[in-house]
Protein backbone atom coordinates (compact mmCIF):
# COMPACT_ATOMS: atom_id res chain seq x y z
CA MET A 1 3.72 -34.04 -12.99
CA SER A 2 4.92 -36.16 -10.10
CA VAL A 3 4.63 -35.26 -6.38
CA HIS A 4 8.39 -34.63 -6.31
CA ASP A 5 8.00 -32.12 -9.14
CA PHE A 6 5.29 -30.24 -7.26
CA TRP A 7 6.52 -30.54 -3.63
CA THR A 8 9.96 -29.30 -2.71
CA PRO A 9 11.60 -31.20 0.15
CA PHE A 10 12.74 -29.30 3.19
CA ALA A 11 16.30 -27.95 3.33
CA ALA A 12 17.41 -25.54 6.06
CA GLU A 13 19.32 -22.96 4.02
CA PRO A 14 16.79 -22.45 1.18
CA PHE A 15 13.99 -22.39 3.78
CA ILE A 16 15.72 -19.57 5.74
CA ASN A 17 16.20 -17.69 2.47
CA ALA A 18 12.45 -18.11 1.80
CA LEU A 19 11.66 -16.63 5.25
CA ILE A 20 13.82 -13.62 4.46
CA ILE A 21 12.14 -13.19 1.09
CA GLY A 22 8.83 -13.35 2.97
CA LEU A 23 9.88 -10.32 5.06
CA SER A 24 10.73 -8.50 1.90
CA LEU A 25 7.43 -9.34 0.33
CA ALA A 26 5.64 -8.35 3.48
CA SER A 27 7.22 -4.90 3.41
CA ILE A 28 6.13 -4.39 -0.18
CA TRP A 29 2.53 -5.33 0.66
CA LEU A 30 2.65 -3.14 3.79
CA VAL A 31 3.86 -0.09 1.80
CA ALA A 32 1.12 -0.69 -0.75
CA ALA A 33 -1.50 -1.02 1.97
CA LEU A 34 -0.40 1.82 4.28
CA GLY A 35 -2.23 4.63 2.47
CA LEU A 36 -5.32 2.47 2.11
CA THR A 37 -5.17 1.80 5.87
CA ILE A 38 -5.40 5.47 6.55
CA ILE A 39 -8.21 6.14 4.05
CA TYR A 40 -10.30 3.06 4.78
CA GLY A 41 -9.39 2.52 8.41
CA THR A 42 -10.01 6.06 9.61
CA MET A 43 -12.45 7.43 7.05
CA GLY A 44 -14.46 4.34 6.10
CA VAL A 45 -13.92 5.13 2.39
CA ILE A 46 -13.43 2.18 0.03
CA ASN A 47 -10.97 3.76 -2.35
CA MET A 48 -10.91 1.71 -5.56
CA ALA A 49 -8.41 4.19 -7.06
CA HIS A 50 -5.72 3.34 -4.57
CA GLY A 51 -3.79 1.24 -7.07
CA GLU A 52 -3.84 4.14 -9.51
CA PHE A 53 -2.41 6.49 -6.89
CA ILE A 54 0.44 4.01 -6.63
CA MET A 55 0.75 4.09 -10.39
CA LEU A 56 0.81 7.91 -10.41
CA GLY A 57 3.59 7.90 -7.91
CA ALA A 58 5.63 5.60 -10.19
CA TYR A 59 4.96 7.77 -13.25
CA PHE A 60 5.81 10.98 -11.48
CA THR A 61 9.08 9.44 -10.48
CA TRP A 62 9.76 8.53 -14.13
CA ILE A 63 8.75 12.07 -15.26
CA LEU A 64 11.10 13.64 -12.70
CA GLN A 65 13.96 11.50 -13.87
CA TYR A 66 13.34 11.59 -17.61
CA PHE A 67 12.61 15.33 -17.95
CA GLY A 68 14.34 16.78 -14.90
CA GLY A 69 17.17 14.41 -14.12
CA PHE A 70 16.15 14.10 -10.52
CA PRO A 71 17.79 11.35 -8.42
CA TRP A 72 15.52 8.54 -7.32
CA LEU A 73 15.74 9.22 -3.60
CA LEU A 74 14.62 12.85 -4.15
CA CYS A 75 11.74 11.66 -6.25
CA LEU A 76 10.22 9.81 -3.21
CA PRO A 77 9.19 12.90 -1.17
CA ILE A 78 8.21 14.80 -4.34
CA SER A 79 5.90 12.01 -5.37
CA PHE A 80 4.39 11.98 -1.86
CA ILE A 81 3.55 15.70 -2.19
CA VAL A 82 2.32 15.62 -5.75
CA VAL A 83 0.11 12.52 -5.44
CA GLY A 84 -1.09 13.76 -2.05
CA PHE A 85 -2.20 16.97 -3.68
CA ILE A 86 -4.04 15.01 -6.36
CA GLY A 87 -5.71 12.98 -3.64
CA TRP A 88 -6.77 16.20 -1.91
CA LEU A 89 -8.32 17.44 -5.18
CA VAL A 90 -10.23 14.15 -5.56
CA GLU A 91 -11.52 14.32 -2.06
CA ARG A 92 -12.56 17.96 -2.35
CA GLY A 93 -14.14 17.54 -5.77
CA LEU A 94 -15.79 14.15 -5.40
CA ILE A 95 -15.40 12.09 -2.21
CA ARG A 96 -16.62 14.82 0.16
CA HIS A 97 -20.09 14.62 -1.51
CA LEU A 98 -20.35 10.85 -0.99
CA TYR A 99 -19.66 10.23 2.69
CA ASP A 100 -22.06 7.75 4.27
CA ARG A 101 -22.77 6.44 0.77
CA PRO A 102 -20.25 3.58 0.51
CA LEU A 103 -21.62 2.05 -2.72
CA ASP A 104 -21.50 5.37 -4.47
CA THR A 105 -18.05 6.04 -3.16
CA LEU A 106 -16.90 2.67 -4.42
CA LEU A 107 -18.27 3.27 -7.89
CA ALA A 108 -16.97 6.86 -8.03
CA THR A 109 -13.39 5.93 -7.04
CA TRP A 110 -13.50 3.07 -9.55
CA GLY A 111 -14.43 5.62 -12.22
CA VAL A 112 -11.52 7.83 -11.03
CA SER A 113 -9.19 4.87 -11.41
CA LEU A 114 -10.26 4.36 -15.01
CA VAL A 115 -9.74 8.03 -15.73
CA PHE A 116 -6.21 7.91 -14.33
CA ILE A 117 -5.29 4.73 -16.28
CA GLN A 118 -6.66 6.04 -19.61
CA SER A 119 -5.06 9.47 -19.08
CA ILE A 120 -1.63 8.05 -18.49
CA ARG A 121 -2.06 5.66 -21.46
CA LEU A 122 -3.09 8.59 -23.74
CA ILE A 123 -0.26 10.87 -22.59
CA PHE A 124 2.68 8.41 -22.25
CA GLY A 125 1.51 5.37 -24.16
CA GLY A 126 1.15 1.83 -22.89
CA GLU A 127 4.71 0.63 -23.26
CA PRO A 128 6.64 -0.13 -20.06
CA GLN A 129 8.95 2.58 -18.65
CA TYR A 130 12.05 2.20 -16.50
CA VAL A 131 13.25 4.14 -13.44
CA GLU A 132 16.91 4.30 -12.46
CA VAL A 133 17.92 3.72 -8.81
CA PRO A 134 21.30 4.43 -7.19
CA ASP A 135 24.02 1.92 -8.01
CA TRP A 136 24.28 0.72 -4.43
CA LEU A 137 20.60 -0.40 -4.58
CA THR A 138 21.13 -2.48 -7.64
CA SER A 139 23.60 -4.86 -5.95
CA VAL A 140 22.78 -7.84 -3.72
CA MET A 141 23.65 -8.20 -0.08
CA THR A 142 25.22 -11.66 0.46
CA ILE A 143 25.85 -13.16 3.90
CA ASP A 144 26.81 -16.75 3.63
CA PHE A 145 23.82 -18.41 1.87
CA VAL A 146 21.50 -15.39 2.27
CA HIS A 147 21.13 -13.24 -0.87
CA VAL A 148 18.83 -10.18 -0.73
CA PRO A 149 18.80 -7.21 -3.12
CA TRP A 150 19.64 -3.98 -1.37
CA ILE A 151 16.51 -2.24 -2.80
CA ARG A 152 14.33 -4.76 -0.99
CA ILE A 153 16.19 -4.02 2.23
CA PHE A 154 15.68 -0.31 1.57
CA ILE A 155 11.92 -0.84 1.10
CA PHE A 156 11.77 -2.93 4.28
CA PHE A 157 13.22 -0.18 6.46
CA ALA A 158 11.29 2.49 4.56
CA ALA A 159 8.05 0.59 5.39
CA LEU A 160 8.93 0.59 9.05
CA ALA A 161 9.81 4.27 8.99
CA LEU A 162 6.51 5.12 7.27
CA VAL A 163 4.58 3.14 9.91
CA ALA A 164 6.40 4.99 12.67
CA MET A 165 5.80 8.36 11.01
CA THR A 166 2.12 7.57 10.53
CA TRP A 167 1.71 6.44 14.12
CA ALA A 168 3.46 9.58 15.39
CA ILE A 169 1.15 11.81 13.29
CA LEU A 170 -2.05 10.05 14.45
CA PHE A 171 -1.16 9.81 18.15
CA LYS A 172 1.39 12.48 18.90
CA THR A 173 0.17 15.54 16.95
CA ASN A 174 -2.77 17.97 17.14
CA ILE A 175 -3.95 17.02 13.63
CA GLY A 176 -3.87 13.36 14.67
CA ILE A 177 -6.01 14.09 17.70
CA GLN A 178 -8.46 15.90 15.40
CA VAL A 179 -8.53 13.02 12.95
CA ARG A 180 -9.38 10.51 15.69
CA ALA A 181 -11.94 12.81 17.19
CA VAL A 182 -13.71 13.35 13.88
CA MET A 183 -13.73 9.64 13.01
CA GLN A 184 -15.14 8.63 16.40
CA ASN A 185 -17.81 11.36 16.69
CA PRO A 186 -17.98 14.08 14.01
CA GLN A 187 -20.75 16.04 15.73
CA MET A 188 -18.97 16.16 19.06
CA ALA A 189 -15.73 17.10 17.32
CA ALA A 190 -17.53 19.98 15.52
CA SER A 191 -18.87 21.27 18.83
CA PHE A 192 -15.23 21.69 19.90
CA GLY A 193 -14.45 23.73 16.84
CA ILE A 194 -12.76 21.03 14.74
CA ASN A 195 -13.24 21.58 11.05
CA SER A 196 -14.23 18.10 9.82
CA ASN A 197 -14.00 19.01 6.14
CA ARG A 198 -10.41 20.07 6.57
CA VAL A 199 -9.65 16.86 8.52
CA TYR A 200 -11.21 14.66 5.81
CA GLY A 201 -9.26 16.42 3.08
CA LEU A 202 -5.93 16.18 4.85
CA THR A 203 -6.51 12.53 5.80
CA PHE A 204 -7.34 11.51 2.25
CA ALA A 205 -4.40 13.55 0.92
CA TYR A 206 -2.03 11.79 3.32
CA GLY A 207 -3.25 8.35 2.38
CA ALA A 208 -2.88 9.19 -1.31
CA GLY A 209 0.57 10.56 -0.66
CA LEU A 210 1.59 7.35 0.99
CA ALA A 211 0.37 5.50 -2.09
CA GLY A 212 2.47 7.87 -4.23
CA ILE A 213 5.66 7.25 -2.33
CA SER A 214 5.04 3.49 -2.47
CA GLY A 215 4.67 3.79 -6.28
CA SER A 216 8.03 5.53 -6.39
CA MET A 217 9.63 2.71 -4.49
CA PHE A 218 7.94 0.02 -6.59
CA ALA A 219 9.20 1.75 -9.71
CA GLY A 220 12.69 0.91 -8.63
CA LEU A 221 11.76 -2.78 -8.45
CA LYS A 222 9.94 -3.38 -11.70
CA THR A 223 8.90 -1.66 -14.92
CA ILE A 224 5.97 0.73 -14.77
CA PHE A 225 2.94 0.78 -16.99
CA PRO A 226 -0.56 2.27 -16.76
CA ASP A 227 -2.21 -0.92 -15.32
CA MET A 228 0.47 -1.59 -12.67
CA GLY A 229 -1.75 -0.60 -9.82
CA LEU A 230 -3.93 -3.68 -10.28
CA GLY A 231 -0.92 -5.82 -9.28
CA TYR A 232 -0.81 -4.29 -5.83
CA VAL A 233 -4.32 -3.33 -4.87
CA VAL A 234 -5.71 -6.82 -4.20
CA GLU A 235 -3.02 -7.64 -1.63
CA ALA A 236 -3.34 -4.14 -0.22
CA PHE A 237 -7.06 -4.57 0.40
CA LEU A 238 -6.49 -8.01 1.95
CA VAL A 239 -3.87 -6.60 4.29
CA VAL A 240 -6.16 -3.75 5.40
CA VAL A 241 -9.34 -5.77 5.79
CA THR A 242 -7.65 -8.69 7.53
CA GLY A 243 -5.79 -6.25 9.78
CA GLY A 244 -9.11 -4.64 10.84
CA GLY A 245 -8.30 -1.25 9.33
CA GLU A 246 -5.76 -0.58 12.05
CA LEU A 247 -2.22 0.61 11.50
CA PHE A 248 -0.56 -2.15 13.54
CA GLY A 249 -3.12 -4.66 12.30
CA SER A 250 -1.92 -3.96 8.76
CA LEU A 251 1.70 -4.33 9.96
CA ALA A 252 0.98 -7.69 11.57
CA THR A 253 -1.15 -8.94 8.62
CA ALA A 254 1.43 -7.97 6.02
CA GLY A 255 4.08 -9.88 7.98
CA ILE A 256 1.93 -12.98 8.41
CA MET A 257 0.77 -12.99 4.76
CA GLY A 258 4.30 -12.40 3.40
CA GLU A 259 5.75 -15.28 5.42
CA MET A 260 2.92 -17.62 4.61
CA PHE A 261 3.08 -16.89 0.91
CA SER A 262 6.84 -17.38 0.91
CA ILE A 263 6.64 -20.67 2.85
CA PHE A 264 3.88 -22.07 0.55
CA SER A 265 5.89 -20.92 -2.49
CA TYR A 266 8.96 -22.70 -1.19
CA PHE A 267 7.22 -26.03 -0.83
CA THR A 268 5.01 -25.73 -3.94
CA ASN A 269 4.92 -22.76 -6.39
CA ASP A 270 3.77 -19.15 -6.46
CA THR A 271 0.47 -19.85 -8.09
CA PHE A 272 -0.62 -22.53 -5.62
CA ALA A 273 0.78 -20.42 -2.71
CA ARG A 274 -1.43 -17.47 -3.75
CA PHE A 275 -4.44 -19.79 -4.02
CA VAL A 276 -3.89 -21.31 -0.56
CA LEU A 277 -3.25 -17.84 1.03
CA PHE A 278 -6.47 -16.39 -0.40
CA ILE A 279 -8.49 -19.45 0.79
CA LEU A 280 -7.05 -19.14 4.29
CA ILE A 281 -7.90 -15.39 4.39
CA VAL A 282 -11.47 -16.05 3.30
CA ILE A 283 -11.86 -18.73 6.00
CA PHE A 284 -10.32 -16.35 8.62
CA LEU A 285 -12.68 -13.51 7.72
CA ARG A 286 -15.61 -15.93 7.79
CA PHE A 287 -15.07 -16.51 11.50
CA ARG A 288 -13.54 -13.11 12.37
CA PRO A 289 -14.92 -10.52 9.93
CA GLN A 290 -13.62 -7.62 12.07
CA GLY A 291 -10.02 -8.68 11.33
CA ILE A 292 -7.08 -9.33 13.61
CA PHE A 293 -7.65 -6.08 15.50
CA ALA A 294 -11.11 -4.58 15.95
CA PRO A 295 -11.02 -1.09 14.36
CA SER A 296 -11.08 1.50 17.05
CA MET A 297 -10.85 4.56 14.79
CA ALA A 298 -13.08 3.49 11.88
CA ARG A 299 -16.42 5.13 11.47
CA ARG A 300 -19.46 3.01 12.26
């Protein structure tokens, strides 16, 4: 392979297209990481089953369409509710007994992820499934030399809407105040009559619900299968850790990672771009392990 085969020379129009693709990729990573940001950033729980919550959201979307004929847009909020409820059950039945035991929590949620994968494989098989999206989302927006699928544009604005909704819940509602109070000082919060068990359960359920709605959106992009969560969870963890476990840290990190990956992919290829991106993240975390933003809500 010659240098010219490996290295793509700069051209303005394809490079601008690559930047736009980077924004699309960033929105996908952000949606995947948003629920993990809530669970890890506010609760200090390393949820290894996050990818499987995404997978469950995708499969519930397929179930609703295949057996109930539900339209894709209606499946999004339903998947949020259903997967959020499953997350609440996991927190009530397992996670609540493992707080302040991070290694045990990690192993337990990893076991939960295996249970989810094998259950879906046993029930529905391992073959890929397909989800239908509205016709207007299957077309491509074309403006001069810019070509972007409408479904990626939809996910981009949906990601921004979910960030805004999460910020409003955390900082503009009573339950958000209770969440931040419990995470900063559980004993002091309890002295003011805040039920920490209820707060933990609702927080984990909300994070799982966000993973479920992200799975519904990803189902419109690609085929779904029992192991699909593994394809999103690595980038999701990198976004959350590099962003410091903060909501806007994850937003900034997803944008930076998406653009860097797209630029490196433009000049080289996807494999080498992923390699360089991961190396840069490791170097960054070596010198700033707290991430871009120091976590203000995470438990110490």
